[in-house]
Each structure stands twice: as C-alpha cells, then as structure tokens.
Amino acid sequence: KLALFVALTCALPLAAQNVDIEALSG
C-alpha cells in the first residue's frame, strides 16, 4: 500500500517503455 501510494502521488505521465506489474514477471 505504501509503495502504491508513493507511485500514485509522485508519478507524472511520461513516455516509458514497460512496467513491473506481476502479470509480466517470468
């Protein structure tokens, strides 16, 4: 929850490549 709160409050829209959600792990 803490990590998600940091991400939601600090992240700005940007052109990134990919993402670290667990569905893409492995």
PDB file of all heavy atoms in Angstrom:
ATOM      1  N   LYS A   1       0.832  -1.198   0.000  1.00  0.00           N
ATOM      2  CA  LYS A   1       0.000   0.000   0.000  1.00  0.00           C
ATOM      3  C   LYS A   1       0.869   1.252   0.000  1.00  0.00           C
ATOM      4  O   LYS A   1       0.582   2.234  -0.697  1.00  0.00           O
ATOM      5  CB  LYS A   1      -0.910   0.007   1.223  1.00  0.00           C
ATOM      6  CG  LYS A   1      -2.098  -0.945   1.114  1.00  0.00           C
ATOM      7  CD  LYS A   1      -2.983  -0.809   2.323  1.00  0.00           C
ATOM      8  CE  LYS A   1      -4.221  -1.692   2.210  1.00  0.00           C
ATOM      9  NZ  LYS A   1      -5.097  -1.580   3.381  1.00  0.00           N
ATOM     10  N   LEU A   2       1.933   1.228   0.795  1.00  0.00           N
ATOM     11  CA  LEU A   2       2.819   2.377   0.845  1.00  0.00           C
ATOM     12  C   LEU A   2       3.457   2.621  -0.513  1.00  0.00           C
ATOM     13  O   LEU A   2       3.520   3.757  -0.992  1.00  0.00           O
ATOM     14  CB  LEU A   2       3.899   2.151   1.907  1.00  0.00           C
ATOM     15  CG  LEU A   2       4.993   3.235   1.974  1.00  0.00           C
ATOM     16  CD1 LEU A   2       4.367   4.578   2.314  1.00  0.00           C
ATOM     17  CD2 LEU A   2       6.051   2.832   2.990  1.00  0.00           C
ATOM     18  N   ALA A   3       3.933   1.559  -1.161  1.00  0.00           N
ATOM     19  CA  ALA A   3       4.571   1.711  -2.468  1.00  0.00           C
ATOM     20  C   ALA A   3       3.589   2.263  -3.493  1.00  0.00           C
ATOM     21  O   ALA A   3       3.935   3.116  -4.318  1.00  0.00           O
ATOM     22  CB  ALA A   3       5.122   0.366  -2.933  1.00  0.00           C
ATOM     23  N   LEU A   4       2.357   1.773  -3.459  1.00  0.00           N
ATOM     24  CA  LEU A   4       1.360   2.251  -4.411  1.00  0.00           C
ATOM     25  C   LEU A   4       1.010   3.710  -4.143  1.00  0.00           C
ATOM     26  O   LEU A   4       0.809   4.496  -5.068  1.00  0.00           O
ATOM     27  CB  LEU A   4       0.099   1.392  -4.321  1.00  0.00           C
ATOM     28  CG  LEU A   4       0.189   0.076  -5.075  1.00  0.00           C
ATOM     29  CD1 LEU A   4      -0.897  -0.866  -4.608  1.00  0.00           C
ATOM     30  CD2 LEU A   4       0.081   0.306  -6.563  1.00  0.00           C
ATOM     31  N   PHE A   5       0.951   4.099  -2.873  1.00  0.00           N
ATOM     32  CA  PHE A   5       0.646   5.487  -2.554  1.00  0.00           C
ATOM     33  C   PHE A   5       1.742   6.407  -3.092  1.00  0.00           C
ATOM     34  O   PHE A   5       1.461   7.462  -3.671  1.00  0.00           O
ATOM     35  CB  PHE A   5       0.516   5.652  -1.038  1.00  0.00           C
ATOM     36  CG  PHE A   5       0.325   7.079  -0.608  1.00  0.00           C
ATOM     37  CD1 PHE A   5      -0.922   7.686  -0.732  1.00  0.00           C
ATOM     38  CD2 PHE A   5       1.381   7.812  -0.102  1.00  0.00           C
ATOM     39  CE1 PHE A   5      -1.101   9.006  -0.345  1.00  0.00           C
ATOM     40  CE2 PHE A   5       1.207   9.125   0.278  1.00  0.00           C
ATOM     41  CZ  PHE A   5      -0.037   9.723   0.172  1.00  0.00           C
ATOM     42  N   VAL A   6       2.995   5.994  -2.916  1.00  0.00           N
ATOM     43  CA  VAL A   6       4.099   6.796  -3.441  1.00  0.00           C
ATOM     44  C   VAL A   6       4.002   6.926  -4.950  1.00  0.00           C
ATOM     45  O   VAL A   6       4.177   7.993  -5.533  1.00  0.00           O
ATOM     46  CB  VAL A   6       5.453   6.165  -3.042  1.00  0.00           C
ATOM     47  CG1 VAL A   6       6.595   6.859  -3.759  1.00  0.00           C
ATOM     48  CG2 VAL A   6       5.643   6.249  -1.535  1.00  0.00           C
ATOM     49  N   ALA A   7       3.717   5.807  -5.617  1.00  0.00           N
ATOM     50  CA  ALA A   7       3.630   5.829  -7.069  1.00  0.00           C
ATOM     51  C   ALA A   7       2.497   6.726  -7.542  1.00  0.00           C
ATOM     52  O   ALA A   7       2.638   7.485  -8.505  1.00  0.00           O
ATOM     53  CB  ALA A   7       3.434   4.411  -7.606  1.00  0.00           C
ATOM     54  N   LEU A   8       1.355   6.656  -6.882  1.00  0.00           N
ATOM     55  CA  LEU A   8       0.192   7.438  -7.309  1.00  0.00           C
ATOM     56  C   LEU A   8       0.388   8.927  -7.079  1.00  0.00           C
ATOM     57  O   LEU A   8      -0.031   9.763  -7.885  1.00  0.00           O
ATOM     58  CB  LEU A   8      -1.053   6.967  -6.551  1.00  0.00           C
ATOM     59  CG  LEU A   8      -1.722   5.714  -7.103  1.00  0.00           C
ATOM     60  CD1 LEU A   8      -2.765   5.213  -6.116  1.00  0.00           C
ATOM     61  CD2 LEU A   8      -2.365   5.992  -8.445  1.00  0.00           C
ATOM     62  N   THR A   9       1.031   9.279  -5.997  1.00  0.00           N
ATOM     63  CA  THR A   9       1.139  10.691  -5.674  1.00  0.00           C
ATOM     64  C   THR A   9       2.345  11.358  -6.328  1.00  0.00           C
ATOM     65  O   THR A   9       2.361  12.582  -6.483  1.00  0.00           O
ATOM     66  CB  THR A   9       1.256  10.874  -4.147  1.00  0.00           C
ATOM     67  OG1 THR A   9       2.351  10.083  -3.661  1.00  0.00           O
ATOM     68  CG2 THR A   9      -0.024  10.438  -3.462  1.00  0.00           C
ATOM     69  N   CYS A  10       3.319  10.577  -6.745  1.00  0.00           N
ATOM     70  CA  CYS A  10       4.544  11.171  -7.279  1.00  0.00           C
ATOM     71  C   CYS A  10       4.710  10.991  -8.779  1.00  0.00           C
ATOM     72  O   CYS A  10       5.406  11.775  -9.421  1.00  0.00           O
ATOM     73  CB  CYS A  10       5.772  10.567  -6.592  1.00  0.00           C
ATOM     74  SG  CYS A  10       5.824  10.871  -4.806  1.00  0.00           S
ATOM     75  N   ALA A  11       4.126   9.952  -9.353  1.00  0.00           N
ATOM     76  CA  ALA A  11       4.371   9.665 -10.763  1.00  0.00           C
ATOM     77  C   ALA A  11       3.626  10.657 -11.645  1.00  0.00           C
ATOM     78  O   ALA A  11       2.463  10.950 -11.430  1.00  0.00           O
ATOM     79  CB  ALA A  11       3.931   8.246 -11.090  1.00  0.00           C
ATOM     80  N   LEU A  12       4.312  11.159 -12.672  1.00  0.00           N
ATOM     81  CA  LEU A  12       3.709  12.033 -13.657  1.00  0.00           C
ATOM     82  C   LEU A  12       3.602  11.288 -14.966  1.00  0.00           C
ATOM     83  O   LEU A  12       4.382  10.368 -15.229  1.00  0.00           O
ATOM     84  CB  LEU A  12       4.585  13.286 -13.843  1.00  0.00           C
ATOM     85  CG  LEU A  12       4.747  14.170 -12.606  1.00  0.00           C
ATOM     86  CD1 LEU A  12       5.726  15.293 -12.906  1.00  0.00           C
ATOM     87  CD2 LEU A  12       3.412  14.749 -12.171  1.00  0.00           C
ATOM     88  N   PRO A  13       2.645  11.640 -15.840  1.00  0.00           N
ATOM     89  CA  PRO A  13       2.560  10.985 -17.139  1.00  0.00           C
ATOM     90  C   PRO A  13       3.888  11.119 -17.881  1.00  0.00           C
ATOM     91  O   PRO A  13       4.471  12.193 -17.942  1.00  0.00           O
ATOM     92  CB  PRO A  13       1.440  11.762 -17.846  1.00  0.00           C
ATOM     93  CG  PRO A  13       0.602  12.306 -16.730  1.00  0.00           C
ATOM     94  CD  PRO A  13       1.569  12.619 -15.639  1.00  0.00           C
ATOM     95  N   LEU A  14       4.363  10.036 -18.436  1.00  0.00           N
ATOM     96  CA  LEU A  14       5.644  10.048 -19.145  1.00  0.00           C
ATOM     97  C   LEU A  14       5.634   8.967 -20.207  1.00  0.00           C
ATOM     98  O   LEU A  14       4.773   8.102 -20.233  1.00  0.00           O
ATOM     99  CB  LEU A  14       6.805   9.845 -18.168  1.00  0.00           C
ATOM    100  CG  LEU A  14       6.685   8.708 -17.135  1.00  0.00           C
ATOM    101  CD1 LEU A  14       7.182   7.413 -17.746  1.00  0.00           C
ATOM    102  CD2 LEU A  14       7.434   9.033 -15.879  1.00  0.00           C
ATOM    103  N   ALA A  15       6.620   9.030 -21.074  1.00  0.00           N
ATOM    104  CA  ALA A  15       6.737   8.024 -22.130  1.00  0.00           C
ATOM    105  C   ALA A  15       7.716   6.965 -21.663  1.00  0.00           C
ATOM    106  O   ALA A  15       8.915   7.110 -21.812  1.00  0.00           O
ATOM    107  CB  ALA A  15       7.216   8.666 -23.424  1.00  0.00           C
ATOM    108  N   ALA A  16       7.219   5.941 -21.041  1.00  0.00           N
ATOM    109  CA  ALA A  16       8.063   4.867 -20.526  1.00  0.00           C
ATOM    110  C   ALA A  16       7.944   3.651 -21.440  1.00  0.00           C
ATOM    111  O   ALA A  16       7.119   3.618 -22.343  1.00  0.00           O
ATOM    112  CB  ALA A  16       7.647   4.521 -19.098  1.00  0.00           C
ATOM    113  N   GLN A  17       8.776   2.654 -21.149  1.00  0.00           N
ATOM    114  CA  GLN A  17       8.834   1.517 -22.048  1.00  0.00           C
ATOM    115  C   GLN A  17       7.901   0.394 -21.638  1.00  0.00           C
ATOM    116  O   GLN A  17       7.100  -0.078 -22.426  1.00  0.00           O
ATOM    117  CB  GLN A  17      10.271   0.983 -22.095  1.00  0.00           C
ATOM    118  CG  GLN A  17      10.482  -0.163 -23.042  1.00  0.00           C
ATOM    119  CD  GLN A  17      10.094   0.179 -24.447  1.00  0.00           C
ATOM    120  OE1 GLN A  17       8.975  -0.051 -24.863  1.00  0.00           O
ATOM    121  NE2 GLN A  17      10.992   0.750 -25.195  1.00  0.00           N
ATOM    122  N   ASN A  18       8.014  -0.060 -20.437  1.00  0.00           N
ATOM    123  CA  ASN A  18       7.206  -1.180 -19.986  1.00  0.00           C
ATOM    124  C   ASN A  18       7.007  -1.026 -18.493  1.00  0.00           C
ATOM    125  O   ASN A  18       7.403  -0.022 -17.904  1.00  0.00           O
ATOM    126  CB  ASN A  18       7.893  -2.504 -20.342  1.00  0.00           C
ATOM    127  CG  ASN A  18       6.893  -3.559 -20.739  1.00  0.00           C
ATOM    128  OD1 ASN A  18       5.819  -3.642 -20.175  1.00  0.00           O
ATOM    129  ND2 ASN A  18       7.237  -4.366 -21.712  1.00  0.00           N
ATOM    130  N   VAL A  19       6.426  -2.020 -17.844  1.00  0.00           N
ATOM    131  CA  VAL A  19       6.009  -1.829 -16.465  1.00  0.00           C
ATOM    132  C   VAL A  19       6.265  -3.102 -15.663  1.00  0.00           C
ATOM    133  O   VAL A  19       6.405  -4.187 -16.228  1.00  0.00           O
ATOM    134  CB  VAL A  19       4.513  -1.427 -16.433  1.00  0.00           C
ATOM    135  CG1 VAL A  19       3.635  -2.603 -16.822  1.00  0.00           C
ATOM    136  CG2 VAL A  19       4.107  -0.875 -15.086  1.00  0.00           C
ATOM    137  N   ASP A  20       6.310  -2.942 -14.333  1.00  0.00           N
ATOM    138  CA  ASP A  20       6.725  -4.043 -13.471  1.00  0.00           C
ATOM    139  C   ASP A  20       5.575  -4.769 -12.797  1.00  0.00           C
ATOM    140  O   ASP A  20       5.775  -5.408 -11.769  1.00  0.00           O
ATOM    141  CB  ASP A  20       7.680  -3.511 -12.386  1.00  0.00           C
ATOM    142  CG  ASP A  20       6.993  -2.541 -11.444  1.00  0.00           C
ATOM    143  OD1 ASP A  20       5.970  -1.953 -11.846  1.00  0.00           O
ATOM    144  OD2 ASP A  20       7.472  -2.370 -10.313  1.00  0.00           O
ATOM    145  N   ILE A  21       4.359  -4.699 -13.316  1.00  0.00           N
ATOM    146  CA  ILE A  21       3.271  -5.404 -12.649  1.00  0.00           C
ATOM    147  C   ILE A  21       3.512  -6.919 -12.729  1.00  0.00           C
ATOM    148  O   ILE A  21       4.113  -7.430 -13.673  1.00  0.00           O
ATOM    149  CB  ILE A  21       1.902  -5.022 -13.232  1.00  0.00           C
ATOM    150  CG1 ILE A  21       1.786  -5.385 -14.710  1.00  0.00           C
ATOM    151  CG2 ILE A  21       1.626  -3.559 -13.021  1.00  0.00           C
ATOM    152  CD1 ILE A  21       0.405  -5.109 -15.280  1.00  0.00           C
ATOM    153  N   GLU A  22       3.027  -7.610 -11.703  1.00  0.00           N
ATOM    154  CA  GLU A  22       3.382  -9.025 -11.538  1.00  0.00           C
ATOM    155  C   GLU A  22       2.977  -9.899 -12.720  1.00  0.00           C
ATOM    156  O   GLU A  22       3.573 -10.950 -12.953  1.00  0.00           O
ATOM    157  CB  GLU A  22       2.735  -9.554 -10.255  1.00  0.00           C
ATOM    158  CG  GLU A  22       3.323  -8.998  -8.962  1.00  0.00           C
ATOM    159  CD  GLU A  22       2.713  -7.675  -8.547  1.00  0.00           C
ATOM    160  OE1 GLU A  22       2.146  -6.966  -9.403  1.00  0.00           O
ATOM    161  OE2 GLU A  22       2.813  -7.332  -7.363  1.00  0.00           O
ATOM    162  N   ALA A  23       1.954  -9.507 -13.473  1.00  0.00           N
ATOM    163  CA  ALA A  23       1.499 -10.319 -14.594  1.00  0.00           C
ATOM    164  C   ALA A  23       2.583 -10.537 -15.638  1.00  0.00           C
ATOM    165  O   ALA A  23       2.536 -11.496 -16.407  1.00  0.00           O
ATOM    166  CB  ALA A  23       0.273  -9.682 -15.255  1.00  0.00           C
ATOM    167  N   LEU A  24       3.588  -9.644 -15.677  1.00  0.00           N
ATOM    168  CA  LEU A  24       4.664  -9.758 -16.657  1.00  0.00           C
ATOM    169  C   LEU A  24       5.907 -10.427 -16.093  1.00  0.00           C
ATOM    170  O   LEU A  24       6.893 -10.593 -16.790  1.00  0.00           O
ATOM    171  CB  LEU A  24       5.028  -8.366 -17.194  1.00  0.00           C
ATOM    172  CG  LEU A  24       3.878  -7.609 -17.884  1.00  0.00           C
ATOM    173  CD1 LEU A  24       4.321  -6.220 -18.284  1.00  0.00           C
ATOM    174  CD2 LEU A  24       3.377  -8.371 -19.086  1.00  0.00           C
ATOM    175  N   SER A  25       5.862 -10.811 -14.816  1.00  0.00           N
ATOM    176  CA  SER A  25       7.006 -11.463 -14.198  1.00  0.00           C
ATOM    177  C   SER A  25       7.210 -12.861 -14.779  1.00  0.00           C
ATOM    178  O   SER A  25       6.259 -13.624 -14.943  1.00  0.00           O
ATOM    179  CB  SER A  25       6.795 -11.566 -12.687  1.00  0.00           C
ATOM    180  OG  SER A  25       7.817 -12.318 -12.079  1.00  0.00           O
ATOM    181  N   GLY A  26       8.457 -13.189 -15.069  1.00  0.00           N
ATOM    182  CA  GLY A  26       8.772 -14.523 -15.565  1.00  0.00           C
ATOM    183  C   GLY A  26       8.319 -14.808 -16.965  1.00  0.00           C
ATOM    184  O   GLY A  26       8.383 -15.945 -17.430  1.00  0.00           O
TER     185      GLY A  26
END
